[in-house]
C-alpha cells in the first residue's frame, strides 16, 4: 500500500512537470 501511494505521488508529479513544460513551451513560442 505504501508503494502504491509513492507511485501515485511520483506519477502526479511527473504529469505536473510535463504540463508545466508544455505551458512554458507555448509561452516561449508566442
N, C-alpha and C. Protein backbone atom coordinates (compact mmCIF):
# COMPACT_ATOMS: atom_id res chain seq x y z
N UNK A 1 0.85 -1.21 0.00
CA UNK A 1 0.00 0.00 0.00
C UNK A 1 0.88 1.25 0.00
N UNK A 2 1.97 1.21 0.77
CA UNK A 2 2.86 2.39 0.81
C UNK A 2 3.46 2.61 -0.58
N UNK A 3 3.86 1.51 -1.23
CA UNK A 3 4.44 1.65 -2.58
C UNK A 3 3.42 2.26 -3.53
N UNK A 4 2.17 1.88 -3.38
CA UNK A 4 1.12 2.43 -4.25
C UNK A 4 1.01 3.94 -4.07
N UNK A 5 1.06 4.38 -2.82
CA UNK A 5 0.96 5.82 -2.56
C UNK A 5 2.17 6.54 -3.18
N UNK A 6 3.35 5.95 -3.05
CA UNK A 6 4.56 6.55 -3.65
C UNK A 6 4.39 6.64 -5.16
N UNK A 7 3.87 5.57 -5.77
CA UNK A 7 3.69 5.56 -7.23
C UNK A 7 2.72 6.67 -7.64
N UNK A 8 1.64 6.84 -6.89
CA UNK A 8 0.66 7.88 -7.23
C UNK A 8 1.30 9.26 -7.11
N UNK A 9 2.04 9.50 -6.04
CA UNK A 9 2.65 10.81 -5.83
C UNK A 9 3.68 11.09 -6.93
N UNK A 10 4.49 10.10 -7.27
CA UNK A 10 5.50 10.29 -8.33
C UNK A 10 4.80 10.49 -9.67
N UNK A 11 3.77 9.72 -9.94
CA UNK A 11 3.06 9.85 -11.22
C UNK A 11 2.44 11.23 -11.37
N UNK A 12 1.78 11.71 -10.32
CA UNK A 12 1.17 13.04 -10.39
C UNK A 12 2.25 14.11 -10.57
N UNK A 13 3.38 13.94 -9.91
CA UNK A 13 4.48 14.92 -10.03
C UNK A 13 4.98 14.95 -11.46
N UNK A 14 5.17 13.77 -12.07
CA UNK A 14 5.65 13.72 -13.46
C UNK A 14 4.65 14.38 -14.39
N UNK A 15 3.37 14.11 -14.20
CA UNK A 15 2.34 14.72 -15.05
C UNK A 15 2.36 16.24 -14.90
N UNK A 16 2.50 16.72 -13.67
CA UNK A 16 2.53 18.18 -13.44
C UNK A 16 3.74 18.78 -14.15
N UNK A 17 4.91 18.12 -14.07
CA UNK A 17 6.12 18.64 -14.73
C UNK A 17 5.89 18.70 -16.24
N UNK A 18 5.30 17.63 -16.80
CA UNK A 18 5.06 17.61 -18.25
C UNK A 18 4.12 18.74 -18.64
N UNK A 19 3.07 18.96 -17.85
CA UNK A 19 2.11 20.04 -18.16
C UNK A 19 2.81 21.39 -18.10
N UNK A 20 3.63 21.59 -17.07
CA UNK A 20 4.35 22.88 -16.93
C UNK A 20 5.27 23.07 -18.13
N UNK A 21 5.95 22.00 -18.56
CA UNK A 21 6.85 22.11 -19.72
C UNK A 21 6.06 22.54 -20.95
N UNK A 22 4.92 21.92 -21.17
CA UNK A 22 4.10 22.28 -22.35
C UNK A 22 3.67 23.74 -22.27
N UNK A 23 3.27 24.18 -21.08
CA UNK A 23 2.81 25.58 -20.92
C UNK A 23 3.98 26.52 -21.20
N UNK A 24 5.15 26.22 -20.66
CA UNK A 24 6.31 27.10 -20.88
C UNK A 24 6.66 27.13 -22.36
N UNK A 25 6.55 26.00 -23.04
CA UNK A 25 6.84 25.96 -24.49
C UNK A 25 5.87 26.87 -25.23
N UNK A 26 4.58 26.78 -24.91
CA UNK A 26 3.58 27.62 -25.59
C UNK A 26 3.87 29.10 -25.33
N UNK A 27 4.25 29.44 -24.09
CA UNK A 27 4.53 30.85 -23.77
C UNK A 27 5.78 31.32 -24.52
N UNK A 28 6.80 30.46 -24.59
CA UNK A 28 8.05 30.86 -25.26
C UNK A 28 7.81 31.00 -26.78
N UNK A 29 6.94 30.17 -27.34
CA UNK A 29 6.67 30.26 -28.78
C UNK A 29 6.02 31.60 -29.12
N UNK A 30 5.17 32.10 -28.24
CA UNK A 30 4.47 33.36 -28.53
C UNK A 30 5.40 34.55 -28.53
